[in-house]
């Protein structure tokens, strides 16, 4: 409720905002290859995975606009085919 009071946003909006960001952060650090786009924003777990492989690229969690602007974006480097389990 403190965040809702501080920002002036409705408590449900703050709840939704934090839950969406928590879900995306969990996906970013999961072994699943999740990728989708909406409203011109492309989300990909592989983008953030590159940050864990090379610590000087892909600082953003969800949207790579700032990485493109700062020239710190790197395409995913991984196996060309998904491994068979």
Protein backbone atom coordinates (compact mmCIF):
# COMPACT_ATOMS: atom_id res chain seq x y z
CA UNK A 1 0.00 0.00 0.00
CA UNK A 2 2.95 2.33 0.51
CA UNK A 3 3.78 2.16 -3.22
CA UNK A 4 0.18 3.00 -4.11
CA UNK A 5 0.15 5.92 -1.68
CA UNK A 6 3.54 7.21 -2.85
CA UNK A 7 2.77 7.02 -6.58
CA UNK A 8 -0.91 7.85 -6.43
CA UNK A 9 -1.66 4.70 -8.45
CA UNK A 10 -4.52 2.37 -7.58
CA UNK A 11 -3.43 -0.55 -5.39
CA UNK A 12 -4.57 -3.08 -8.03
CA UNK A 13 -2.37 -1.35 -10.63
CA UNK A 14 0.66 -1.53 -8.33
CA UNK A 15 -0.10 -5.18 -7.54
CA UNK A 16 -0.37 -6.01 -11.27
CA UNK A 17 2.86 -4.10 -12.08
CA UNK A 18 4.93 -5.90 -9.43
CA UNK A 19 3.51 -9.32 -10.30
CA UNK A 20 4.21 -8.92 -14.03
CA UNK A 21 7.78 -7.85 -13.30
CA UNK A 22 8.27 -10.71 -10.83
CA UNK A 23 6.98 -13.24 -13.39
CA UNK A 24 9.26 -11.89 -16.12
CA UNK A 25 12.26 -11.90 -13.76
CA UNK A 26 11.56 -15.54 -12.90
CA UNK A 27 11.33 -16.40 -16.60
CA UNK A 28 14.61 -14.57 -17.28
CA UNK A 29 16.38 -16.87 -14.86
CA UNK A 30 14.62 -20.09 -15.83
CA UNK A 31 15.91 -22.76 -18.21
CA UNK A 32 12.94 -22.21 -20.56
CA UNK A 33 13.30 -20.50 -23.93
CA UNK A 34 10.41 -18.03 -23.77
CA UNK A 35 9.92 -15.38 -26.44
CA UNK A 36 6.99 -13.13 -27.29
CA UNK A 37 6.19 -9.63 -28.44
CA UNK A 38 3.47 -7.05 -27.87
CA UNK A 39 3.06 -3.39 -28.81
CA UNK A 40 6.42 -3.34 -30.57
CA UNK A 41 8.27 -4.72 -27.54
CA UNK A 42 10.05 -8.06 -28.00
CA UNK A 43 10.71 -10.14 -24.88
CA UNK A 44 13.17 -13.01 -24.98
CA UNK A 45 14.81 -14.99 -22.18
CA UNK A 46 17.80 -15.47 -24.51
CA UNK A 47 18.53 -11.73 -24.47
CA UNK A 48 19.06 -11.67 -20.71
CA UNK A 49 20.82 -15.05 -20.82
CA UNK A 50 23.58 -13.38 -22.83
CA UNK A 51 24.13 -10.98 -19.91
CA UNK A 52 24.92 -13.95 -17.68
CA UNK A 53 27.34 -15.33 -20.28
CA UNK A 54 29.02 -12.02 -21.10
CA UNK A 55 28.68 -9.51 -18.28
CA UNK A 56 29.27 -6.46 -20.49
CA UNK A 57 26.18 -6.87 -22.70
CA UNK A 58 22.37 -6.95 -22.43
CA UNK A 59 21.95 -5.21 -19.08
CA UNK A 60 18.18 -4.82 -19.50
CA UNK A 61 15.82 -7.34 -17.96
CA UNK A 62 12.91 -7.14 -20.39
CA UNK A 63 13.26 -4.59 -23.18
CA UNK A 64 16.53 -4.11 -25.01
CA UNK A 65 15.89 -0.52 -26.19
CA UNK A 66 18.50 0.92 -23.83
CA UNK A 67 21.05 -1.71 -24.76
CA UNK A 68 20.60 -0.87 -28.43
CA UNK A 69 20.94 2.86 -27.64
CA UNK A 70 24.06 2.33 -25.51
CA UNK A 71 25.57 -0.16 -28.01
CA UNK A 72 25.64 -2.90 -25.36
CA UNK A 73 23.21 -5.23 -27.12
CA UNK A 74 24.45 -8.65 -28.27
CA UNK A 75 22.48 -11.30 -30.16
CA UNK A 76 22.05 -14.66 -28.52
CA UNK A 77 24.95 -17.04 -29.05
CA UNK A 78 23.95 -20.59 -28.43
CA UNK A 79 23.36 -23.92 -30.10
CA UNK A 80 21.74 -23.66 -33.52
CA UNK A 81 19.34 -26.48 -32.67
CA UNK A 82 17.59 -27.25 -29.43
CA UNK A 83 18.99 -30.29 -27.70
CA UNK A 84 16.86 -33.40 -27.49
CA UNK A 85 16.17 -34.62 -23.96
